[in-house]
């Protein structure tokens, strides 16, 4: 995959967004510190968010203060792990905490070594991933999220991955007619995490995965809307209608997934469909996108990041124009943020300002970070 080279106008917008990004980030350090130092019992989702936030703003505080914050956060994480049980999921559960800790460790941040404590949780997560029913396969809270963690974090064996993949393939042997068409809960998310896992699998298992991916892509293509809707794809297979232009659902989720598949399993049918989907994406406006806030899951930051990633697979003039429109919109929203009224009360990676700011730099630069990797857009 060739990194997308931005033009002069896009680069000018990116520089302005970076300036606003740094302004807001610098002002947030006190709020992040307060959120870590308070005595509230934090949920798994909040702890995951705090790890990623401190990785993001740590360079903005003196080294001694940063070390203190990592020490306090370390204690909070250990306490949460000891107090089990928590939900297993990747977004909102224990798998998310493990993913964030692995990211902090790889980024050489100040988090103490929690590997022994974290590895004790692996067998339970593998068991959940290997026995979940079809209704519990999604990336957010199900087996696909556990598989994403097992592909990323240390302490998971090839057998662990194989058992989760086996369960997913078994449960998805018959793809239902009304299958969800989003990354968060549906077929695209399943495809993306299986693509990530396939390099760890035996040749026979890899062949099974490839067969499933081809069948899943065929099912997605069959679900395309008629020409009477703004989006190429609806929310669910077997239905029709305009879906959001977002990470969680919609044409960007589908287009990015098809691009990833085409890189590994080239197909002229997929190549043609990617072009058609990109044409549809380029025609969308902010007003009819369903993504007018700055959040990642279904907001403008997520749209910018995903368009950049799709463009890395191949140039598309319409998407270049669309990217400029969305970056201009993000800039207009960032410049309106009043730091005095900005709140970190809601610590959510996908659906809150804190998550949007963590994603903002990656979305502007078009480069992956820990959170983009966690959301399978890397």
Protein backbone atom coordinates (compact mmCIF):
# COMPACT_ATOMS: atom_id res chain seq x y z
CA UNK A 1 0.00 0.00 0.00
CA UNK A 2 1.46 3.35 -1.08
CA UNK A 3 0.97 6.25 1.41
CA UNK A 4 -1.30 8.95 0.03
CA UNK A 5 0.60 12.09 -1.01
CA UNK A 6 -1.47 15.15 -0.16
CA UNK A 7 -1.55 18.20 -2.39
CA UNK A 8 -0.59 21.73 -1.44
CA UNK A 9 -4.12 22.83 -0.56
CA UNK A 10 -4.76 19.75 1.56
CA UNK A 11 -1.41 20.15 3.29
CA UNK A 12 -2.31 23.77 4.14
CA UNK A 13 -5.53 22.58 5.77
CA UNK A 14 -3.66 19.85 7.62
CA UNK A 15 -1.21 22.37 9.07
CA UNK A 16 -4.07 24.55 10.33
CA UNK A 17 -5.80 21.55 11.90
CA UNK A 18 -2.54 20.56 13.61
CA UNK A 19 -2.32 24.05 15.12
CA UNK A 20 -5.83 23.79 16.53
CA UNK A 21 -5.13 20.24 17.64
CA UNK A 22 -2.05 21.35 19.62
CA UNK A 23 -3.95 24.29 21.13
CA UNK A 24 -6.70 22.03 22.47
CA UNK A 25 -4.34 19.25 23.49
CA UNK A 26 -2.11 21.60 25.50
CA UNK A 27 -5.14 22.97 27.32
CA UNK A 28 -6.36 19.45 28.11
CA UNK A 29 -3.37 18.35 30.16
CA UNK A 30 -4.84 19.63 33.42
CA UNK A 31 -8.16 17.89 32.74
CA UNK A 32 -6.43 14.61 31.91
CA UNK A 33 -4.33 14.86 35.07
CA UNK A 34 -7.43 15.55 37.17
CA UNK A 35 -9.28 12.59 35.63
CA UNK A 36 -6.39 10.26 36.49
CA UNK A 37 -5.74 11.65 39.98
CA UNK A 38 -9.35 11.66 41.20
CA UNK A 39 -10.64 8.88 43.48
CA UNK A 40 -13.54 7.73 41.33
CA UNK A 41 -13.86 4.07 40.46
CA UNK A 42 -13.36 3.93 36.70
CA UNK A 43 -15.03 1.59 34.23
CA UNK A 44 -13.03 -0.50 31.76
CA UNK A 45 -13.97 1.93 28.98
CA UNK A 46 -12.78 4.93 31.02
CA UNK A 47 -9.50 3.25 31.97
CA UNK A 48 -8.81 2.37 28.34
CA UNK A 49 -9.51 5.96 27.35
CA UNK A 50 -7.22 7.32 30.07
CA UNK A 51 -4.30 5.14 28.93
CA UNK A 52 -4.66 6.38 25.35
CA UNK A 53 -5.16 9.98 26.52
CA UNK A 54 -2.01 9.95 28.64
CA UNK A 55 -0.08 8.46 25.73
CA UNK A 56 -1.34 11.42 23.68
CA UNK A 57 -0.82 14.32 26.11
CA UNK A 58 2.11 12.99 28.13
CA UNK A 59 4.66 14.97 26.17
CA UNK A 60 2.83 18.17 27.11
CA UNK A 61 3.60 17.84 30.86
CA UNK A 62 6.91 17.85 32.77
CA UNK A 63 8.54 14.42 32.90
CA UNK A 64 8.19 14.14 36.69
CA UNK A 65 4.47 14.91 36.49
CA UNK A 66 4.03 12.41 33.65
CA UNK A 67 5.76 9.71 35.71
CA UNK A 68 3.44 10.46 38.64
CA UNK A 69 0.38 10.14 36.39
CA UNK A 70 1.56 6.80 35.03
CA UNK A 71 2.14 5.56 38.61
CA UNK A 72 -1.42 6.50 39.63
CA UNK A 73 -2.92 5.04 36.47
CA UNK A 74 -0.92 1.86 37.05
CA UNK A 75 -2.53 1.47 40.48
CA UNK A 76 -5.99 2.06 39.04
CA UNK A 77 -5.41 -0.58 36.37
CA UNK A 78 -4.13 -3.15 38.86
CA UNK A 79 -7.10 -2.50 41.14
CA UNK A 80 -9.56 -2.95 38.28
CA UNK A 81 -7.89 -6.18 37.17
CA UNK A 82 -7.94 -7.58 40.69
CA UNK A 83 -11.62 -6.71 41.17
CA UNK A 84 -12.84 -8.73 38.18
CA UNK A 85 -15.20 -9.49 36.61
CA UNK A 86 -15.49 -6.96 33.80
CA UNK A 87 -17.10 -7.39 30.41
CA UNK A 88 -14.64 -9.03 28.00
CA UNK A 89 -15.09 -6.73 25.00
CA UNK A 90 -12.57 -4.64 23.09
CA UNK A 91 -14.51 -1.38 23.39
CA UNK A 92 -15.84 -1.16 26.93
CA UNK A 93 -14.27 -4.29 28.42
CA UNK A 94 -11.11 -5.92 29.70
CA UNK A 95 -9.79 -6.59 26.17
CA UNK A 96 -9.71 -2.83 25.62
CA UNK A 97 -7.59 -2.30 28.72
CA UNK A 98 -5.15 -4.98 27.54
CA UNK A 99 -4.98 -3.41 24.07
CA UNK A 100 -4.28 0.06 25.50
CA UNK A 101 -1.60 -1.28 27.86
CA UNK A 102 0.10 -3.12 25.01
CA UNK A 103 0.04 0.08 22.95
CA UNK A 104 1.56 2.08 25.83
CA UNK A 105 4.27 -0.53 26.26
CA UNK A 106 5.15 -0.51 22.55
CA UNK A 107 5.22 3.29 22.55
CA UNK A 108 7.70 3.12 25.45
CA UNK A 109 5.46 5.15 27.74
CA UNK A 110 5.81 5.18 31.51
CA UNK A 111 3.32 2.42 32.32
CA UNK A 112 4.82 -0.23 34.58
CA UNK A 113 5.10 -3.79 33.35
CA UNK A 114 1.68 -5.36 33.83
CA UNK A 115 2.41 -8.36 31.61
CA UNK A 116 2.09 -10.96 34.35
CA UNK A 117 -1.25 -9.62 35.59
CA UNK A 118 -2.58 -9.17 32.07
CA UNK A 119 -1.56 -12.62 30.86
CA UNK A 120 -3.59 -14.17 33.66
CA UNK A 121 -6.66 -12.75 31.91
CA UNK A 122 -5.83 -14.22 28.50
CA UNK A 123 -7.29 -17.72 29.02
CA UNK A 124 -10.68 -16.31 29.97
CA UNK A 125 -10.71 -14.04 26.94
CA UNK A 126 -9.69 -16.86 24.62
CA UNK A 127 -12.41 -19.06 26.08
CA UNK A 128 -14.98 -16.32 25.46
CA UNK A 129 -13.76 -15.80 21.91
CA UNK A 130 -13.73 -19.52 21.18
CA UNK A 131 -17.23 -20.23 22.51
CA UNK A 132 -19.25 -17.09 21.75
CA UNK A 133 -22.48 -17.53 19.87
CA UNK A 134 -23.01 -15.87 16.50
CA UNK A 135 -24.82 -12.95 18.16
CA UNK A 136 -21.63 -12.16 20.11
CA UNK A 137 -19.14 -12.00 17.25
CA UNK A 138 -18.89 -8.26 16.75
CA UNK A 139 -15.76 -6.12 17.11
CA UNK A 140 -17.11 -3.89 19.88
CA UNK A 141 -17.97 -6.48 22.50
CA UNK A 142 -17.63 -9.91 20.91
CA UNK A 143 -15.27 -12.54 19.56
CA UNK A 144 -13.91 -10.39 16.72
CA UNK A 145 -12.65 -7.89 19.26
CA UNK A 146 -10.93 -10.66 21.22
CA UNK A 147 -9.32 -11.89 18.01
CA UNK A 148 -8.08 -8.36 17.24
CA UNK A 149 -6.45 -8.25 20.70
CA UNK A 150 -4.92 -11.73 20.29
CA UNK A 151 -3.33 -10.65 16.99
CA UNK A 152 -1.80 -7.58 18.65
CA UNK A 153 -0.86 -8.35 22.24
CA UNK A 154 1.83 -10.59 23.62
CA UNK A 155 0.92 -13.76 25.48
CA UNK A 156 -1.49 -15.28 22.95
CA UNK A 157 -0.43 -18.45 21.15
CA UNK A 158 -1.11 -19.62 17.60
CA UNK A 159 -3.52 -22.17 19.09
CA UNK A 160 -5.39 -19.37 20.87
CA UNK A 161 -5.90 -17.53 17.58
CA UNK A 162 -6.88 -20.71 15.79
CA UNK A 163 -9.57 -21.56 18.35
CA UNK A 164 -11.18 -18.13 18.03
CA UNK A 165 -10.99 -18.20 14.22
CA UNK A 166 -12.51 -21.68 14.19
CA UNK A 167 -15.44 -20.48 16.26
CA UNK A 168 -16.05 -17.46 14.05
CA UNK A 169 -15.90 -19.51 10.85
CA UNK A 170 -18.21 -22.12 12.33
CA UNK A 171 -20.75 -19.56 13.47
CA UNK A 172 -20.61 -17.64 10.21
CA UNK A 173 -20.81 -20.72 7.98
CA UNK A 174 -24.22 -19.51 6.84
CA UNK A 175 -24.21 -15.72 6.45
CA UNK A 176 -27.71 -14.48 7.41
CA UNK A 177 -29.75 -12.48 4.93
CA UNK A 178 -30.02 -9.46 7.21
CA UNK A 179 -26.33 -9.28 8.10
CA UNK A 180 -25.05 -5.96 9.46
CA UNK A 181 -22.84 -4.09 6.95
CA UNK A 182 -20.70 -2.12 9.41
CA UNK A 183 -17.25 -2.53 10.91
CA UNK A 184 -18.48 -2.21 14.50
CA UNK A 185 -21.01 -5.03 14.46
CA UNK A 186 -21.05 -6.65 11.04
CA UNK A 187 -19.42 -8.43 8.14
CA UNK A 188 -16.78 -5.79 7.30
CA UNK A 189 -15.44 -5.95 10.87
CA UNK A 190 -15.32 -9.76 10.72
CA UNK A 191 -13.49 -9.64 7.39
CA UNK A 192 -10.92 -7.09 8.60
CA UNK A 193 -10.01 -8.98 11.74
CA UNK A 194 -9.74 -12.28 9.84
CA UNK A 195 -7.39 -10.57 7.37
CA UNK A 196 -5.26 -9.53 10.33
CA UNK A 197 -5.30 -13.04 11.78
CA UNK A 198 -4.61 -15.01 8.58
CA UNK A 199 -0.84 -14.46 8.64
CA UNK A 200 -0.70 -16.28 11.98
CA UNK A 201 -2.63 -19.32 10.75
CA UNK A 202 -1.68 -22.60 9.13
CA UNK A 203 -2.05 -22.89 5.35
CA UNK A 204 -5.21 -25.02 5.60
CA UNK A 205 -6.85 -22.65 8.06
CA UNK A 206 -5.80 -19.69 5.92
CA UNK A 207 -7.50 -21.27 2.94
CA UNK A 208 -10.70 -21.60 4.99
CA UNK A 209 -10.47 -17.97 5.99
CA UNK A 210 -9.94 -16.89 2.37
CA UNK A 211 -13.00 -18.86 1.26
CA UNK A 212 -15.09 -17.20 3.93
CA UNK A 213 -13.81 -13.74 3.03
CA UNK A 214 -14.66 -14.24 -0.65
CA UNK A 215 -18.17 -15.42 0.25
CA UNK A 216 -18.64 -12.52 2.68
CA UNK A 217 -17.54 -9.98 0.06
CA UNK A 218 -19.97 -11.49 -2.43
CA UNK A 219 -22.75 -11.13 0.14
CA UNK A 220 -21.81 -7.49 0.71
CA UNK A 221 -21.83 -6.71 -3.01
CA UNK A 222 -25.25 -8.32 -3.38
CA UNK A 223 -26.55 -5.89 -0.74
CA UNK A 224 -25.79 -2.73 -2.74
CA UNK A 225 -28.58 -0.17 -3.05
CA UNK A 226 -30.26 0.82 -6.26
CA UNK A 227 -29.41 4.26 -7.70
CA UNK A 228 -32.24 5.88 -5.74
CA UNK A 229 -30.24 6.42 -2.54
CA UNK A 230 -27.37 8.69 -1.52
CA UNK A 231 -25.29 5.78 -0.24
CA UNK A 232 -24.08 2.76 -2.16
CA UNK A 233 -24.90 0.47 0.75
CA UNK A 234 -27.70 0.31 3.36
CA UNK A 235 -27.21 -0.52 7.04
CA UNK A 236 -28.16 -4.18 6.62
CA UNK A 237 -28.04 -6.72 3.81
CA UNK A 238 -31.49 -7.46 2.41
CA UNK A 239 -32.73 -3.92 3.06
CA UNK A 240 -32.40 -0.62 1.25
CA UNK A 241 -31.91 3.00 2.25
CA UNK A 242 -29.27 5.63 2.89
CA UNK A 243 -26.71 4.78 5.57
CA UNK A 244 -24.28 7.01 7.44
CA UNK A 245 -20.90 7.79 5.95
CA UNK A 246 -19.02 6.45 8.94
CA UNK A 247 -16.66 3.95 10.52
CA UNK A 248 -19.44 2.05 12.22
CA UNK A 249 -21.70 1.78 9.15
CA UNK A 250 -21.87 2.83 5.55
CA UNK A 251 -19.93 3.19 2.34
CA UNK A 252 -16.60 4.13 3.91
CA UNK A 253 -16.64 1.01 6.07
CA UNK A 254 -17.41 -1.14 3.05
CA UNK A 255 -14.97 0.59 0.69
CA UNK A 256 -12.08 0.35 3.14
CA UNK A 257 -12.81 -3.33 3.77
CA UNK A 258 -12.94 -4.13 0.05
CA UNK A 259 -9.63 -2.30 -0.44
CA UNK A 260 -8.00 -4.42 2.25
CA UNK A 261 -9.37 -7.62 0.73
CA UNK A 262 -8.29 -6.62 -2.78
CA UNK A 263 -4.71 -6.17 -1.53
CA UNK A 264 -4.61 -9.78 -0.30
CA UNK A 265 -7.08 -11.51 -2.64
CA UNK A 266 -7.05 -9.45 -5.85
CA UNK A 267 -10.26 -9.41 -7.85
CA UNK A 268 -11.44 -7.36 -10.81
CA UNK A 269 -14.96 -7.49 -9.38
CA UNK A 270 -13.74 -5.93 -6.14
CA UNK A 271 -11.63 -3.36 -7.96
CA UNK A 272 -14.67 -2.24 -9.94
CA UNK A 273 -16.86 -2.10 -6.83
CA UNK A 274 -14.26 -0.06 -4.95
CA UNK A 275 -14.38 2.52 -7.73
CA UNK A 276 -18.19 2.65 -7.64
CA UNK A 277 -18.20 2.97 -3.84
CA UNK A 278 -15.61 5.75 -3.93
CA UNK A 279 -17.70 7.58 -6.52
CA UNK A 280 -20.69 7.39 -4.15
CA UNK A 281 -18.60 8.57 -1.16
CA UNK A 282 -17.30 11.55 -3.16
CA UNK A 283 -20.87 12.67 -3.88
CA UNK A 284 -21.85 12.87 -0.20
CA UNK A 285 -22.00 16.19 1.62
CA UNK A 286 -21.55 16.90 5.30
CA UNK A 287 -25.27 17.65 5.51
CA UNK A 288 -26.42 14.28 4.13
CA UNK A 289 -23.66 12.18 5.69
CA UNK A 290 -25.15 11.68 9.15
CA UNK A 291 -21.73 12.64 10.58
CA UNK A 292 -21.77 16.25 11.72
CA UNK A 293 -20.00 16.04 15.11
CA UNK A 294 -16.26 15.53 15.62
CA UNK A 295 -16.35 12.01 17.03
CA UNK A 296 -14.60 9.04 15.46
CA UNK A 297 -17.30 6.38 15.28
CA UNK A 298 -19.79 8.41 13.26
CA UNK A 299 -18.27 11.86 13.11
CA UNK A 300 -16.10 14.07 10.93
CA UNK A 301 -12.75 12.99 12.43
CA UNK A 302 -13.56 9.40 11.52
CA UNK A 303 -14.59 10.37 7.99
CA UNK A 304 -11.33 12.26 7.38
CA UNK A 305 -9.22 9.41 8.74
CA UNK A 306 -11.00 6.77 6.66
CA UNK A 307 -10.91 8.76 3.42
CA UNK A 308 -7.15 9.19 3.93
CA UNK A 309 -6.75 5.45 4.45
CA UNK A 310 -8.85 4.55 1.39
CA UNK A 311 -6.77 6.95 -0.73
CA UNK A 312 -3.66 5.04 0.32
CA UNK A 313 -4.88 2.16 -1.83
CA UNK A 314 -5.19 4.28 -4.96
CA UNK A 315 -5.88 7.80 -6.10
CA UNK A 316 -9.41 9.03 -6.74
CA UNK A 317 -10.00 12.66 -7.80
CA UNK A 318 -13.46 12.82 -6.25
CA UNK A 319 -12.19 11.54 -2.90
CA UNK A 320 -9.39 14.10 -2.92
CA UNK A 321 -12.00 16.85 -3.28
CA UNK A 322 -14.17 15.22 -0.62
CA UNK A 323 -11.20 15.02 1.75
CA UNK A 324 -10.62 18.76 1.44
CA UNK A 325 -14.29 19.45 2.16
CA UNK A 326 -14.20 17.27 5.28
CA UNK A 327 -10.90 18.69 6.53
CA UNK A 328 -12.28 22.20 6.09
CA UNK A 329 -15.32 21.16 8.13
CA UNK A 330 -13.15 19.65 10.89
CA UNK A 331 -11.10 22.85 11.03
CA UNK A 332 -14.24 24.97 11.35
CA UNK A 333 -15.45 22.81 14.24
CA UNK A 334 -12.09 22.79 16.03
CA UNK A 335 -11.75 26.58 15.89
CA UNK A 336 -15.16 26.90 17.59
CA UNK A 337 -14.17 24.79 20.60
CA UNK A 338 -14.16 26.87 23.77
CA UNK A 339 -11.51 25.33 26.02
CA UNK A 340 -13.23 26.75 29.10
CA UNK A 341 -16.34 24.72 28.30
CA UNK A 342 -14.60 21.63 26.98
CA UNK A 343 -15.33 18.65 29.20
CA UNK A 344 -13.77 15.23 29.67
CA UNK A 345 -16.71 14.01 31.72
CA UNK A 346 -17.43 11.38 29.08
CA UNK A 347 -14.41 9.17 28.47
CA UNK A 348 -15.31 7.14 25.40
CA UNK A 349 -12.95 6.33 22.55
CA UNK A 350 -15.57 6.13 19.82
CA UNK A 351 -18.26 8.59 20.81
CA UNK A 352 -16.82 11.52 22.76
CA UNK A 353 -14.51 14.52 22.29
CA UNK A 354 -11.64 12.76 24.06
CA UNK A 355 -11.60 9.98 21.48
CA UNK A 356 -11.92 12.48 18.65
CA UNK A 357 -8.83 14.38 19.81
CA UNK A 358 -6.79 11.20 20.13
CA UNK A 359 -7.75 10.34 16.57
CA UNK A 360 -7.37 13.87 15.22
CA UNK A 361 -3.63 13.84 14.57
CA UNK A 362 -3.78 10.47 12.85
CA UNK A 363 -6.73 11.57 10.78
CA UNK A 364 -4.92 14.65 9.59
CA UNK A 365 -1.58 12.97 8.96
CA UNK A 366 -3.11 9.87 7.40
CA UNK A 367 -0.87 7.72 9.57
CA UNK A 368 -2.08 4.92 11.84
CA UNK A 369 -1.89 5.17 15.62
CA UNK A 370 -2.86 2.87 18.48
CA UNK A 371 -6.55 3.69 18.27
CA UNK A 372 -6.78 3.43 14.50
CA UNK A 373 -5.12 0.03 14.76
CA UNK A 374 -7.59 -1.00 17.46
CA UNK A 375 -10.49 0.02 15.20
CA UNK A 376 -8.94 -2.05 12.32
CA UNK A 377 -8.25 1.03 10.14
CA UNK A 378 -4.49 0.86 9.79
